[in-house]
Amino acid sequence: QVQLVESGGGLVQAGGSLRLSCAASGRTFSRYAMGWFRQAPGKEREFVAVISWRGGLTSYADSVKDRFTISRDNAKNTLYLQMNSLKPEDTAIYYCAAGDPMSAVVRGTADSWGQGTQVTVSL
């Protein structure tokens, strides 16, 4: 397992941008697929994006496609989520996750989870 710590959340106006980071500890970071999930108040946790261990494959939820970009820097043990054109409905706690295989991360059955970072988008 890896330990994950998210950062970069905050309050932003609709149409603005934020970049989330997820710092991982452990030498095996580069061997895991990584993903972002979010959970809004009163709602189920939902998949946002996933990236393969080498970064060559990505997949996004339809609700964020063309607005969010997932990336990773294995040399820095860090996962990123660039969020542009933010909408009030993007308000949620965002979690990063690590797992293998990639399909397990997409299903939400990842091995490791961070504590989350709050993103709030105002009108």
PDB file of N, CA and C in Angstrom:
ATOM      1  N   GLN A   1       0.827  -1.193   0.000  1.00  0.00           N
ATOM      2  CA  GLN A   1       0.000   0.000   0.000  1.00  0.00           C
ATOM      3  C   GLN A   1       0.868   1.252   0.000  1.00  0.00           C
ATOM      4  N   VAL A   2       0.255   2.341  -0.436  1.00  0.00           N
ATOM      5  CA  VAL A   2       0.904   3.636  -0.356  1.00  0.00           C
ATOM      6  C   VAL A   2       0.051   4.545   0.505  1.00  0.00           C
ATOM      7  N   GLN A   3       0.697   5.539   1.108  1.00  0.00           N
ATOM      8  CA  GLN A   3      -0.022   6.546   1.879  1.00  0.00           C
ATOM      9  C   GLN A   3      -0.220   7.762   0.977  1.00  0.00           C
ATOM     10  N   LEU A   4      -1.432   8.302   1.004  1.00  0.00           N
ATOM     11  CA  LEU A   4      -1.804   9.370   0.083  1.00  0.00           C
ATOM     12  C   LEU A   4      -2.290  10.597   0.842  1.00  0.00           C
ATOM     13  N   VAL A   5      -1.832  11.784   0.420  1.00  0.00           N
ATOM     14  CA  VAL A   5      -2.251  13.038   1.041  1.00  0.00           C
ATOM     15  C   VAL A   5      -2.604  14.033  -0.056  1.00  0.00           C
ATOM     16  N   GLU A   6      -3.879  14.449  -0.068  1.00  0.00           N
ATOM     17  CA  GLU A   6      -4.345  15.409  -1.065  1.00  0.00           C
ATOM     18  C   GLU A   6      -4.124  16.840  -0.586  1.00  0.00           C
ATOM     19  N   SER A   7      -3.995  17.751  -1.541  1.00  0.00           N
ATOM     20  CA  SER A   7      -3.904  19.180  -1.245  1.00  0.00           C
ATOM     21  C   SER A   7      -4.380  19.958  -2.469  1.00  0.00           C
ATOM     22  N   GLY A   8      -4.573  21.259  -2.266  1.00  0.00           N
ATOM     23  CA  GLY A   8      -4.926  22.121  -3.386  1.00  0.00           C
ATOM     24  C   GLY A   8      -6.392  22.502  -3.474  1.00  0.00           C
ATOM     25  N   GLY A   9      -7.204  21.961  -2.589  1.00  0.00           N
ATOM     26  CA  GLY A   9      -8.605  22.327  -2.599  1.00  0.00           C
ATOM     27  C   GLY A   9      -8.804  23.750  -2.106  1.00  0.00           C
ATOM     28  N   GLY A  10     -10.029  24.235  -2.252  1.00  0.00           N
ATOM     29  CA  GLY A  10     -10.331  25.579  -1.786  1.00  0.00           C
ATOM     30  C   GLY A  10     -11.640  26.082  -2.345  1.00  0.00           C
ATOM     31  N   LEU A  11     -11.835  27.385  -2.212  1.00  0.00           N
ATOM     32  CA  LEU A  11     -13.049  28.051  -2.693  1.00  0.00           C
ATOM     33  C   LEU A  11     -12.714  28.799  -3.981  1.00  0.00           C
ATOM     34  N   VAL A  12     -13.513  28.589  -4.997  1.00  0.00           N
ATOM     35  CA  VAL A  12     -13.282  29.241  -6.280  1.00  0.00           C
ATOM     36  C   VAL A  12     -14.628  29.607  -6.895  1.00  0.00           C
ATOM     37  N   GLN A  13     -14.641  30.649  -7.681  1.00  0.00           N
ATOM     38  CA  GLN A  13     -15.869  31.046  -8.358  1.00  0.00           C
ATOM     39  C   GLN A  13     -16.104  30.162  -9.585  1.00  0.00           C
ATOM     40  N   ALA A  14     -17.354  30.050  -9.953  1.00  0.00           N
ATOM     41  CA  ALA A  14     -17.703  29.290 -11.157  1.00  0.00           C
ATOM     42  C   ALA A  14     -16.928  29.837 -12.359  1.00  0.00           C
ATOM     43  N   GLY A  15     -16.424  28.907 -13.157  1.00  0.00           N
ATOM     44  CA  GLY A  15     -15.610  29.289 -14.302  1.00  0.00           C
ATOM     45  C   GLY A  15     -14.121  29.313 -14.010  1.00  0.00           C
ATOM     46  N   GLY A  16     -13.784  29.233 -12.732  1.00  0.00           N
ATOM     47  CA  GLY A  16     -12.383  29.277 -12.339  1.00  0.00           C
ATOM     48  C   GLY A  16     -11.704  27.925 -12.412  1.00  0.00           C
ATOM     49  N   SER A  17     -10.463  27.896 -11.940  1.00  0.00           N
ATOM     50  CA  SER A  17      -9.648  26.688 -12.012  1.00  0.00           C
ATOM     51  C   SER A  17      -8.997  26.383 -10.681  1.00  0.00           C
ATOM     52  N   LEU A  18      -8.723  25.115 -10.464  1.00  0.00           N
ATOM     53  CA  LEU A  18      -7.958  24.639  -9.319  1.00  0.00           C
ATOM     54  C   LEU A  18      -7.106  23.471  -9.775  1.00  0.00           C
ATOM     55  N   ARG A  19      -5.981  23.283  -9.096  1.00  0.00           N
ATOM     56  CA  ARG A  19      -5.137  22.112  -9.360  1.00  0.00           C
ATOM     57  C   ARG A  19      -4.962  21.350  -8.060  1.00  0.00           C
ATOM     58  N   LEU A  20      -5.461  20.144  -8.035  1.00  0.00           N
ATOM     59  CA  LEU A  20      -5.293  19.274  -6.878  1.00  0.00           C
ATOM     60  C   LEU A  20      -4.026  18.446  -7.026  1.00  0.00           C
ATOM     61  N   SER A  21      -3.406  18.174  -5.895  1.00  0.00           N
ATOM     62  CA  SER A  21      -2.236  17.300  -5.868  1.00  0.00           C
ATOM     63  C   SER A  21      -2.476  16.180  -4.876  1.00  0.00           C
ATOM     64  N   CYS A  22      -1.829  15.069  -5.119  1.00  0.00           N
ATOM     65  CA  CYS A  22      -1.898  13.931  -4.209  1.00  0.00           C
ATOM     66  C   CYS A  22      -0.483  13.396  -4.063  1.00  0.00           C
ATOM     67  N   ALA A  23       0.094  13.601  -2.892  1.00  0.00           N
ATOM     68  CA  ALA A  23       1.454  13.147  -2.628  1.00  0.00           C
ATOM     69  C   ALA A  23       1.417  11.742  -2.056  1.00  0.00           C
ATOM     70  N   ALA A  24       2.234  10.885  -2.615  1.00  0.00           N
ATOM     71  CA  ALA A  24       2.258   9.494  -2.184  1.00  0.00           C
ATOM     72  C   ALA A  24       3.588   9.147  -1.549  1.00  0.00           C
ATOM     73  N   SER A  25       3.536   8.350  -0.526  1.00  0.00           N
ATOM     74  CA  SER A  25       4.758   7.833   0.087  1.00  0.00           C
ATOM     75  C   SER A  25       4.870   6.354  -0.222  1.00  0.00           C
ATOM     76  N   GLY A  26       6.085   5.895  -0.331  1.00  0.00           N
ATOM     77  CA  GLY A  26       6.276   4.491  -0.674  1.00  0.00           C
ATOM     78  C   GLY A  26       6.936   4.354  -2.020  1.00  0.00           C
ATOM     79  N   ARG A  27       7.812   3.387  -2.125  1.00  0.00           N
ATOM     80  CA  ARG A  27       8.592   3.228  -3.346  1.00  0.00           C
ATOM     81  C   ARG A  27       7.795   2.633  -4.487  1.00  0.00           C
ATOM     82  N   THR A  28       6.595   2.121  -4.202  1.00  0.00           N
ATOM     83  CA  THR A  28       5.846   1.422  -5.237  1.00  0.00           C
ATOM     84  C   THR A  28       4.822   2.301  -5.933  1.00  0.00           C
ATOM     85  N   PHE A  29       4.853   3.618  -5.704  1.00  0.00           N
ATOM     86  CA  PHE A  29       3.868   4.512  -6.301  1.00  0.00           C
ATOM     87  C   PHE A  29       3.753   4.297  -7.796  1.00  0.00           C
ATOM     88  N   SER A  30       4.870   4.204  -8.476  1.00  0.00           N
ATOM     89  CA  SER A  30       4.856   4.136  -9.937  1.00  0.00           C
ATOM     90  C   SER A  30       4.263   2.832 -10.459  1.00  0.00           C
ATOM     91  N   ARG A  31       4.015   1.868  -9.583  1.00  0.00           N
ATOM     92  CA  ARG A  31       3.451   0.604 -10.029  1.00  0.00           C
ATOM     93  C   ARG A  31       1.936   0.575  -9.974  1.00  0.00           C
ATOM     94  N   TYR A  32       1.328   1.636  -9.421  1.00  0.00           N
ATOM     95  CA  TYR A  32      -0.120   1.666  -9.225  1.00  0.00           C
ATOM     96  C   TYR A  32      -0.816   2.557 -10.243  1.00  0.00           C
ATOM     97  N   ALA A  33      -1.999   2.137 -10.669  1.00  0.00           N
ATOM     98  CA  ALA A  33      -2.906   3.068 -11.322  1.00  0.00           C
ATOM     99  C   ALA A  33      -3.424   4.019 -10.243  1.00  0.00           C
ATOM    100  N   MET A  34      -3.719   5.243 -10.643  1.00  0.00           N
ATOM    101  CA  MET A  34      -4.169   6.254  -9.681  1.00  0.00           C
ATOM    102  C   MET A  34      -5.462   6.881 -10.166  1.00  0.00           C
ATOM    103  N   GLY A  35      -6.283   7.265  -9.211  1.00  0.00           N
ATOM    104  CA  GLY A  35      -7.551   7.860  -9.604  1.00  0.00           C
ATOM    105  C   GLY A  35      -7.987   8.970  -8.672  1.00  0.00           C
ATOM    106  N   TRP A  36      -8.953   9.737  -9.147  1.00  0.00           N
ATOM    107  CA  TRP A  36      -9.625  10.762  -8.342  1.00  0.00           C
ATOM    108  C   TRP A  36     -11.106  10.420  -8.259  1.00  0.00           C
ATOM    109  N   PHE A  37     -11.639  10.586  -7.071  1.00  0.00           N
ATOM    110  CA  PHE A  37     -13.061  10.414  -6.803  1.00  0.00           C
ATOM    111  C   PHE A  37     -13.548  11.655  -6.071  1.00  0.00           C
ATOM    112  N   ARG A  38     -14.847  11.813  -6.013  1.00  0.00           N
ATOM    113  CA  ARG A  38     -15.397  12.920  -5.241  1.00  0.00           C
ATOM    114  C   ARG A  38     -16.700  12.508  -4.597  1.00  0.00           C
ATOM    115  N   GLN A  39     -17.013  13.196  -3.505  1.00  0.00           N
ATOM    116  CA  GLN A  39     -18.264  12.937  -2.800  1.00  0.00           C
ATOM    117  C   GLN A  39     -18.867  14.254  -2.370  1.00  0.00           C
ATOM    118  N   ALA A  40     -20.039  14.543  -2.902  1.00  0.00           N
ATOM    119  CA  ALA A  40     -20.776  15.746  -2.542  1.00  0.00           C
ATOM    120  C   ALA A  40     -21.679  15.435  -1.347  1.00  0.00           C
ATOM    121  N   PRO A  41     -22.069  16.454  -0.593  1.00  0.00           N
ATOM    122  CA  PRO A  41     -22.941  16.220   0.566  1.00  0.00           C
ATOM    123  C   PRO A  41     -24.207  15.475   0.184  1.00  0.00           C
ATOM    124  N   GLY A  42     -24.497  14.407   0.907  1.00  0.00           N
ATOM    125  CA  GLY A  42     -25.717  13.657   0.666  1.00  0.00           C
ATOM    126  C   GLY A  42     -25.694  12.767  -0.555  1.00  0.00           C
ATOM    127  N   LYS A  43     -24.529  12.650  -1.190  1.00  0.00           N
ATOM    128  CA  LYS A  43     -24.434  11.833  -2.390  1.00  0.00           C
ATOM    129  C   LYS A  43     -23.397  10.739  -2.231  1.00  0.00           C
ATOM    130  N   GLU A  44     -23.483   9.751  -3.117  1.00  0.00           N
ATOM    131  CA  GLU A  44     -22.507   8.672  -3.126  1.00  0.00           C
ATOM    132  C   GLU A  44     -21.181   9.176  -3.681  1.00  0.00           C
ATOM    133  N   ARG A  45     -20.106   8.516  -3.278  1.00  0.00           N
ATOM    134  CA  ARG A  45     -18.815   8.812  -3.868  1.00  0.00           C
ATOM    135  C   ARG A  45     -18.854   8.425  -5.341  1.00  0.00           C
ATOM    136  N   GLU A  46     -18.275   9.262  -6.200  1.00  0.00           N
ATOM    137  CA  GLU A  46     -18.302   8.973  -7.626  1.00  0.00           C
ATOM    138  C   GLU A  46     -16.912   9.084  -8.245  1.00  0.00           C
ATOM    139  N   PHE A  47     -16.711   8.295  -9.265  1.00  0.00           N
ATOM    140  CA  PHE A  47     -15.475   8.291 -10.023  1.00  0.00           C
ATOM    141  C   PHE A  47     -15.335   9.594 -10.804  1.00  0.00           C
ATOM    142  N   VAL A  48     -14.110  10.125 -10.829  1.00  0.00           N
ATOM    143  CA  VAL A  48     -13.833  11.340 -11.594  1.00  0.00           C
ATOM    144  C   VAL A  48     -12.869  11.047 -12.749  1.00  0.00           C
ATOM    145  N   ALA A  49     -11.716  10.467 -12.421  1.00  0.00           N
ATOM    146  CA  ALA A  49     -10.704  10.213 -13.455  1.00  0.00           C
ATOM    147  C   ALA A  49      -9.729   9.160 -12.961  1.00  0.00           C
ATOM    148  N   VAL A  50      -9.068   8.507 -13.914  1.00  0.00           N
ATOM    149  CA  VAL A  50      -8.072   7.490 -13.589  1.00  0.00           C
ATOM    150  C   VAL A  50      -6.924   7.594 -14.586  1.00  0.00           C
ATOM    151  N   ILE A  51      -5.729   7.205 -14.134  1.00  0.00           N
ATOM    152  CA  ILE A  51      -4.552   7.208 -14.998  1.00  0.00           C
ATOM    153  C   ILE A  51      -3.761   5.938 -14.737  1.00  0.00           C
ATOM    154  N   SER A  52      -3.223   5.353 -15.806  1.00  0.00           N
ATOM    155  CA  SER A  52      -2.452   4.129 -15.671  1.00  0.00           C
ATOM    156  C   SER A  52      -1.112   4.395 -14.998  1.00  0.00           C
ATOM    157  N   TRP A  53      -0.406   3.335 -14.630  1.00  0.00           N
ATOM    158  CA  TRP A  53       0.810   3.509 -13.834  1.00  0.00           C
ATOM    159  C   TRP A  53       1.899   4.235 -14.596  1.00  0.00           C
ATOM    160  N   ARG A  54       1.920   4.113 -15.919  1.00  0.00           N
ATOM    161  CA  ARG A  54       2.905   4.857 -16.701  1.00  0.00           C
ATOM    162  C   ARG A  54       2.369   6.195 -17.186  1.00  0.00           C
ATOM    163  N   GLY A  55       1.073   6.398 -17.020  1.00  0.00           N
ATOM    164  CA  GLY A  55       0.476   7.655 -17.455  1.00  0.00           C
ATOM    165  C   GLY A  55      -0.019   7.666 -18.884  1.00  0.00           C
ATOM    166  N   GLY A  56       0.095   6.529 -19.580  1.00  0.00           N
ATOM    167  CA  GLY A  56      -0.278   6.508 -20.985  1.00  0.00           C
ATOM    168  C   GLY A  56      -1.761   6.361 -21.243  1.00  0.00           C
ATOM    169  N   LEU A  57      -2.489   5.899 -20.245  1.00  0.00           N
ATOM    170  CA  LEU A  57      -3.934   5.698 -20.388  1.00  0.00           C
ATOM    171  C   LEU A  57      -4.672   6.536 -19.362  1.00  0.00           C
ATOM    172  N   THR A  58      -5.705   7.227 -19.793  1.00  0.00           N
ATOM    173  CA  THR A  58      -6.548   7.991 -18.887  1.00  0.00           C
ATOM    174  C   THR A  58      -8.012   7.757 -19.247  1.00  0.00           C
ATOM    175  N   SER A  59      -8.858   7.983 -18.275  1.00  0.00           N
ATOM    176  CA  SER A  59     -10.294   7.877 -18.497  1.00  0.00           C
ATOM    177  C   SER A  59     -10.988   8.853 -17.557  1.00  0.00           C
ATOM    178  N   TYR A  60     -12.112   9.415 -18.007  1.00  0.00           N
ATOM    179  CA  TYR A  60     -12.801  10.431 -17.242  1.00  0.00           C
ATOM    180  C   TYR A  60     -14.302  10.137 -17.174  1.00  0.00           C
ATOM    181  N   ALA A  61     -14.903  10.621 -16.107  1.00  0.00           N
ATOM    182  CA  ALA A  61     -16.353  10.624 -16.036  1.00  0.00           C
ATOM    183  C   ALA A  61     -16.873  11.621 -17.065  1.00  0.00           C
ATOM    184  N   ASP A  62     -18.025  11.341 -17.617  1.00  0.00           N
ATOM    185  CA  ASP A  62     -18.596  12.232 -18.636  1.00  0.00           C
ATOM    186  C   ASP A  62     -18.793  13.648 -18.100  1.00  0.00           C
ATOM    187  N   SER A  63     -19.094  13.753 -16.822  1.00  0.00           N
ATOM    188  CA  SER A  63     -19.393  15.055 -16.227  1.00  0.00           C
ATOM    189  C   SER A  63     -18.183  15.983 -16.166  1.00  0.00           C
ATOM    190  N   VAL A  64     -16.969  15.431 -16.286  1.00  0.00           N
ATOM    191  CA  VAL A  64     -15.774  16.268 -16.183  1.00  0.00           C
ATOM    192  C   VAL A  64     -14.926  16.236 -17.449  1.00  0.00           C
ATOM    193  N   LYS A  65     -15.310  15.423 -18.390  1.00  0.00           N
ATOM    194  CA  LYS A  65     -14.537  15.288 -19.623  1.00  0.00           C
ATOM    195  C   LYS A  65     -14.412  16.641 -20.301  1.00  0.00           C
ATOM    196  N   ASP A  66     -13.226  16.916 -20.814  1.00  0.00           N
ATOM    197  CA  ASP A  66     -12.894  18.169 -21.504  1.00  0.00           C
ATOM    198  C   ASP A  66     -12.740  19.353 -20.555  1.00  0.00           C
ATOM    199  N   ARG A  67     -12.929  19.148 -19.259  1.00  0.00           N
ATOM    200  CA  ARG A  67     -12.708  20.228 -18.281  1.00  0.00           C
ATOM    201  C   ARG A  67     -11.588  19.872 -17.305  1.00  0.00           C
ATOM    202  N   PHE A  68     -11.485  18.586 -16.955  1.00  0.00           N
ATOM    203  CA  PHE A  68     -10.487  18.131 -15.989  1.00  0.00           C
ATOM    204  C   PHE A  68      -9.405  17.334 -16.714  1.00  0.00           C
ATOM    205  N   THR A  69      -8.179  17.410 -16.176  1.00  0.00           N
ATOM    206  CA  THR A  69      -7.069  16.632 -16.720  1.00  0.00           C
ATOM    207  C   THR A  69      -6.306  15.967 -15.586  1.00  0.00           C
ATOM    208  N   ILE A  70      -6.184  14.658 -15.665  1.00  0.00           N
ATOM    209  CA  ILE A  70      -5.420  13.904 -14.674  1.00  0.00           C
ATOM    210  C   ILE A  70      -4.017  13.675 -15.225  1.00  0.00           C
ATOM    211  N   SER A  71      -3.026  13.777 -14.347  1.00  0.00           N
ATOM    212  CA  SER A  71      -1.647  13.523 -14.741  1.00  0.00           C
ATOM    213  C   SER A  71      -0.869  13.039 -13.525  1.00  0.00           C
ATOM    214  N   ARG A  72       0.332  12.547 -13.767  1.00  0.00           N
ATOM    215  CA  ARG A  72       1.154  12.063 -12.667  1.00  0.00           C
ATOM    216  C   ARG A  72       2.622  12.309 -12.982  1.00  0.00           C
ATOM    217  N   ASP A  73       3.401  12.457 -11.925  1.00  0.00           N
ATOM    218  CA  ASP A  73       4.845  12.578 -12.028  1.00  0.00           C
ATOM    219  C   ASP A  73       5.438  11.499 -11.130  1.00  0.00           C
ATOM    220  N   ASN A  74       5.828  10.390 -11.720  1.00  0.00           N
ATOM    221  CA  ASN A  74       6.323   9.278 -10.909  1.00  0.00           C
ATOM    222  C   ASN A  74       7.641   9.596 -10.220  1.00  0.00           C
ATOM    223  N   ALA A  75       8.417  10.503 -10.787  1.00  0.00           N
ATOM    224  CA  ALA A  75       9.675  10.894 -10.147  1.00  0.00           C
ATOM    225  C   ALA A  75       9.417  11.651  -8.849  1.00  0.00           C
ATOM    226  N   LYS A  76       8.270  12.327  -8.785  1.00  0.00           N
ATOM    227  CA  LYS A  76       7.909  13.098  -7.584  1.00  0.00           C
ATOM    228  C   LYS A  76       6.863  12.391  -6.741  1.00  0.00           C
ATOM    229  N   ASN A  77       6.463  11.180  -7.137  1.00  0.00           N
ATOM    230  CA  ASN A  77       5.430  10.446  -6.397  1.00  0.00           C
ATOM    231  C   ASN A  77       4.169  11.294  -6.207  1.00  0.00           C
ATOM    232  N   THR A  78       3.754  11.977  -7.249  1.00  0.00           N
ATOM    233  CA  THR A  78       2.630  12.905  -7.127  1.00  0.00           C
ATOM    234  C   THR A  78       1.633  12.729  -8.272  1.00  0.00           C
ATOM    235  N   LEU A  79       0.380  12.771  -7.894  1.00  0.00           N
ATOM    236  CA  LEU A  79      -0.741  12.727  -8.830  1.00  0.00           C
ATOM    237  C   LEU A  79      -1.387  14.105  -8.856  1.00  0.00           C
ATOM    238  N   TYR A  80      -1.891  14.499 -10.018  1.00  0.00           N
ATOM    239  CA  TYR A  80      -2.508  15.811 -10.153  1.00  0.00           C
ATOM    240  C   TYR A  80      -3.894  15.703 -10.780  1.00  0.00           C
ATOM    241  N   LEU A  81      -4.705  16.728 -10.503  1.00  0.00           N
ATOM    242  CA  LEU A  81      -5.970  16.891 -11.204  1.00  0.00           C
ATOM    243  C   LEU A  81      -6.135  18.379 -11.497  1.00  0.00           C
ATOM    244  N   GLN A  82      -5.990  18.752 -12.760  1.00  0.00           N
ATOM    245  CA  GLN A  82      -6.222  20.114 -13.184  1.00  0.00           C
ATOM    246  C   GLN A  82      -7.702  20.268 -13.509  1.00  0.00           C
ATOM    247  N   MET A  83      -8.345  21.184 -12.816  1.00  0.00           N
ATOM    248  CA  MET A  83      -9.784  21.374 -12.982  1.00  0.00           C
ATOM    249  C   MET A  83     -10.048  22.770 -13.524  1.00  0.00           C
ATOM    250  N   ASN A  84     -10.606  22.839 -14.709  1.00  0.00           N
ATOM    251  CA  ASN A  84     -10.926  24.104 -15.357  1.00  0.00           C
ATOM    252  C   ASN A  84     -12.430  24.244 -15.547  1.00  0.00           C
ATOM    253  N   SER A  85     -12.864  25.448 -15.811  1.00  0.00           N
ATOM    254  CA  SER A  85     -14.291  25.719 -16.054  1.00  0.00           C
ATOM    255  C   SER A  85     -15.153  25.101 -14.963  1.00  0.00           C
ATOM    256  N   LEU A  86     -14.775  25.331 -13.732  1.00  0.00           N
ATOM    257  CA  LEU A  86     -15.471  24.710 -12.607  1.00  0.00           C
ATOM    258  C   LEU A  86     -16.907  25.194 -12.495  1.00  0.00           C
ATOM    259  N   LYS A  87     -17.763  24.284 -12.055  1.00  0.00           N
ATOM    260  CA  LYS A  87     -19.196  24.553 -11.903  1.00  0.00           C
ATOM    261  C   LYS A  87     -19.584  24.309 -10.451  1.00  0.00           C
ATOM    262  N   PRO A  88     -20.666  24.921  -9.989  1.00  0.00           N
ATOM    263  CA  PRO A  88     -21.112  24.663  -8.608  1.00  0.00           C
ATOM    264  C   PRO A  88     -21.328  23.170  -8.330  1.00  0.00           C
ATOM    265  N   GLU A  89     -21.747  22.421  -9.326  1.00  0.00           N
ATOM    266  CA  GLU A  89     -21.979  20.993  -9.122  1.00  0.00           C
ATOM    267  C   GLU A  89     -20.683  20.193  -8.967  1.00  0.00           C
ATOM    268  N   ASP A  90     -19.537  20.837  -9.158  1.00  0.00           N
ATOM    269  CA  ASP A  90     -18.253  20.177  -8.894  1.00  0.00           C
ATOM    270  C   ASP A  90     -17.885  20.239  -7.409  1.00  0.00           C
ATOM    271  N   THR A  91     -18.667  20.963  -6.626  1.00  0.00           N
ATOM    272  CA  THR A  91     -18.410  21.067  -5.191  1.00  0.00           C
ATOM    273  C   THR A  91     -18.489  19.699  -4.535  1.00  0.00           C
ATOM    274  N   ALA A  92     -17.415  19.324  -3.846  1.00  0.00           N
ATOM    275  CA  ALA A  92     -17.332  18.001  -3.221  1.00  0.00           C
ATOM    276  C   ALA A  92     -16.005  17.881  -2.483  1.00  0.00           C
ATOM    277  N   ILE A  93     -15.886  16.811  -1.725  1.00  0.00           N
ATOM    278  CA  ILE A  93     -14.583  16.414  -1.202  1.00  0.00           C
ATOM    279  C   ILE A  93     -13.956  15.508  -2.257  1.00  0.00           C
ATOM    280  N   TYR A  94     -12.730  15.811  -2.618  1.00  0.00           N
ATOM    281  CA  TYR A  94     -12.023  15.050  -3.652  1.00  0.00           C
ATOM    282  C   TYR A  94     -10.986  14.146  -2.993  1.00  0.00           C
ATOM    283  N   TYR A  95     -11.013  12.887  -3.409  1.00  0.00           N
ATOM    284  CA  TYR A  95     -10.121  11.876  -2.864  1.00  0.00           C
ATOM    285  C   TYR A  95      -9.242  11.294  -3.966  1.00  0.00           C
ATOM    286  N   CYS A  96      -8.001  11.010  -3.642  1.00  0.00           N
ATOM    287  CA  CYS A  96      -7.184  10.249  -4.578  1.00  0.00           C
ATOM    288  C   CYS A  96      -7.098   8.808  -4.086  1.00  0.00           C
ATOM    289  N   ALA A  97      -6.845   7.922  -5.025  1.00  0.00           N
ATOM    290  CA  ALA A  97      -6.814   6.505  -4.734  1.00  0.00           C
ATOM    291  C   ALA A  97      -5.740   5.834  -5.570  1.00  0.00           C
ATOM    292  N   ALA A  98      -5.186   4.763  -5.025  1.00  0.00           N
ATOM    293  CA  ALA A  98      -4.158   3.988  -5.726  1.00  0.00           C
ATOM    294  C   ALA A  98      -4.549   2.531  -5.710  1.00  0.00           C
ATOM    295  N   GLY A  99      -4.340   1.855  -6.832  1.00  0.00           N
ATOM    296  CA  GLY A  99      -4.696   0.444  -6.877  1.00  0.00           C
ATOM    297  C   GLY A  99      -4.169  -0.244  -8.114  1.00  0.00           C
ATOM    298  N   ASP A 100      -4.396  -1.519  -8.152  1.00  0.00           N
ATOM    299  CA  ASP A 100      -3.979  -2.351  -9.288  1.00  0.00           C
ATOM    300  C   ASP A 100      -4.949  -3.522  -9.369  1.00  0.00           C
ATOM    301  N   PRO A 101      -5.495  -3.806 -10.557  1.00  0.00           N
ATOM    302  CA  PRO A 101      -5.271  -3.116 -11.819  1.00  0.00           C
ATOM    303  C   PRO A 101      -6.065  -1.814 -11.936  1.00  0.00           C
ATOM    304  N   MET A 102      -5.960  -1.176 -13.061  1.00  0.00           N
ATOM    305  CA  MET A 102      -6.632   0.096 -13.308  1.00  0.00           C
ATOM    306  C   MET A 102      -8.139  -0.045 -13.156  1.00  0.00           C
ATOM    307  N   SER A 103      -8.690  -1.162 -13.574  1.00  0.00           N
ATOM    308  CA  SER A 103     -10.133  -1.371 -13.478  1.00  0.00           C
ATOM    309  C   SER A 103     -10.611  -1.366 -12.033  1.00  0.00           C
ATOM    310  N   ALA A 104      -9.781  -1.822 -11.112  1.00  0.00           N
ATOM    311  CA  ALA A 104     -10.149  -1.811  -9.700  1.00  0.00           C
ATOM    312  C   ALA A 104     -10.271  -0.380  -9.192  1.00  0.00           C
ATOM    313  N   VAL A 105      -9.399   0.479  -9.656  1.00  0.00           N
ATOM    314  CA  VAL A 105      -9.480   1.885  -9.247  1.00  0.00           C
ATOM    315  C   VAL A 105     -10.770   2.492  -9.786  1.00  0.00           C
ATOM    316  N   VAL A 106     -11.098   2.238 -11.042  1.00  0.00           N
ATOM    317  CA  VAL A 106     -12.317   2.779 -11.646  1.00  0.00           C
ATOM    318  C   VAL A 106     -13.554   2.304 -10.876  1.00  0.00           C
ATOM    319  N   ARG A 107     -13.538   1.053 -10.440  1.00  0.00           N
ATOM    320  CA  ARG A 107     -14.682   0.500  -9.706  1.00  0.00           C
ATOM    321  C   ARG A 107     -14.778   1.030  -8.294  1.00  0.00           C
ATOM    322  N   GLY A 108     -13.750   1.716  -7.839  1.00  0.00           N
ATOM    323  CA  GLY A 108     -13.764   2.236  -6.477  1.00  0.00           C
ATOM    324  C   GLY A 108     -13.237   1.272  -5.443  1.00  0.00           C
ATOM    325  N   THR A 109     -12.619   0.200  -5.890  1.00  0.00           N
ATOM    326  CA  THR A 109     -12.073  -0.799  -4.966  1.00  0.00           C
ATOM    327  C   THR A 109     -10.556  -0.696  -4.910  1.00  0.00           C
ATOM    328  N   ALA A 110     -10.060   0.539  -4.867  1.00  0.00           N
ATOM    329  CA  ALA A 110      -8.616   0.758  -4.806  1.00  0.00           C
ATOM    330  C   ALA A 110      -8.052   0.298  -3.464  1.00  0.00           C
ATOM    331  N   ASP A 111      -6.747   0.065  -3.444  1.00  0.00           N
ATOM    332  CA  ASP A 111      -6.081  -0.408  -2.236  1.00  0.00           C
ATOM    333  C   ASP A 111      -5.868   0.689  -1.205  1.00  0.00           C
ATOM    334  N   SER A 112      -5.614   1.905  -1.675  1.00  0.00           N
ATOM    335  CA  SER A 112      -5.272   3.008  -0.777  1.00  0.00           C
ATOM    336  C   SER A 112      -6.077   4.247  -1.130  1.00  0.00           C
ATOM    337  N   TRP A 113      -6.436   4.993  -0.075  1.00  0.00           N
ATOM    338  CA  TRP A 113      -7.227   6.219  -0.239  1.00  0.00           C
ATOM    339  C   TRP A 113      -6.628   7.320   0.612  1.00  0.00           C
ATOM    340  N   GLY A 114      -6.731   8.548   0.103  1.00  0.00           N
ATOM    341  CA  GLY A 114      -6.343   9.692   0.903  1.00  0.00           C
ATOM    342  C   GLY A 114      -7.495  10.161   1.771  1.00  0.00           C
ATOM    343  N   GLN A 115      -7.240  11.213   2.550  1.00  0.00           N
ATOM    344  CA  GLN A 115      -8.244  11.756   3.463  1.00  0.00           C
ATOM    345  C   GLN A 115      -9.188  12.747   2.798  1.00  0.00           C
ATOM    346  N   GLY A 116      -8.808  13.240   1.632  1.00  0.00           N
ATOM    347  CA  GLY A 116      -9.684  14.128   0.889  1.00  0.00           C
ATOM    348  C   GLY A 116      -9.338  15.595   1.054  1.00  0.00           C
ATOM    349  N   THR A 117      -9.720  16.388   0.047  1.00  0.00           N
ATOM    350  CA  THR A 117      -9.565  17.838   0.087  1.00  0.00           C
ATOM    351  C   THR A 117     -10.850  18.467  -0.446  1.00  0.00           C
ATOM    352  N   GLN A 118     -11.304  19.502   0.261  1.00  0.00           N
ATOM    353  CA  GLN A 118     -12.587  20.121  -0.075  1.00  0.00           C
ATOM    354  C   GLN A 118     -12.445  21.093  -1.242  1.00  0.00           C
ATOM    355  N   VAL A 119     -13.327  20.960  -2.202  1.00  0.00           N
ATOM    356  CA  VAL A 119     -13.431  21.908  -3.307  1.00  0.00           C
ATOM    357  C   VAL A 119     -14.829  22.504  -3.272  1.00  0.00           C
ATOM    358  N   THR A 120     -14.902  23.822  -3.226  1.00  0.00           N
ATOM    359  CA  THR A 120     -16.182  24.518  -3.201  1.00  0.00           C
ATOM    360  C   THR A 120     -16.217  25.530  -4.334  1.00  0.00           C
ATOM    361  N   VAL A 121     -17.234  25.417  -5.166  1.00  0.00           N
ATOM    362  CA  VAL A 121     -17.378  26.311  -6.308  1.00  0.00           C
ATOM    363  C   VAL A 121     -18.621  27.171  -6.098  1.00  0.00           C
ATOM    364  N   SER A 122     -18.430  28.466  -6.041  1.00  0.00           N
ATOM    365  CA  SER A 122     -19.536  29.385  -5.803  1.00  0.00           C
ATOM    366  C   SER A 122     -19.999  30.017  -7.108  1.00  0.00           C
ATOM    367  N   LEU A 123     -21.248  30.506  -7.062  1.00  0.00           N
ATOM    368  CA  LEU A 123     -21.802  31.148  -8.254  1.00  0.00           C
ATOM    369  C   LEU A 123     -21.162  32.506  -8.486  1.00  0.00           C
TER     370      LEU A 123
END
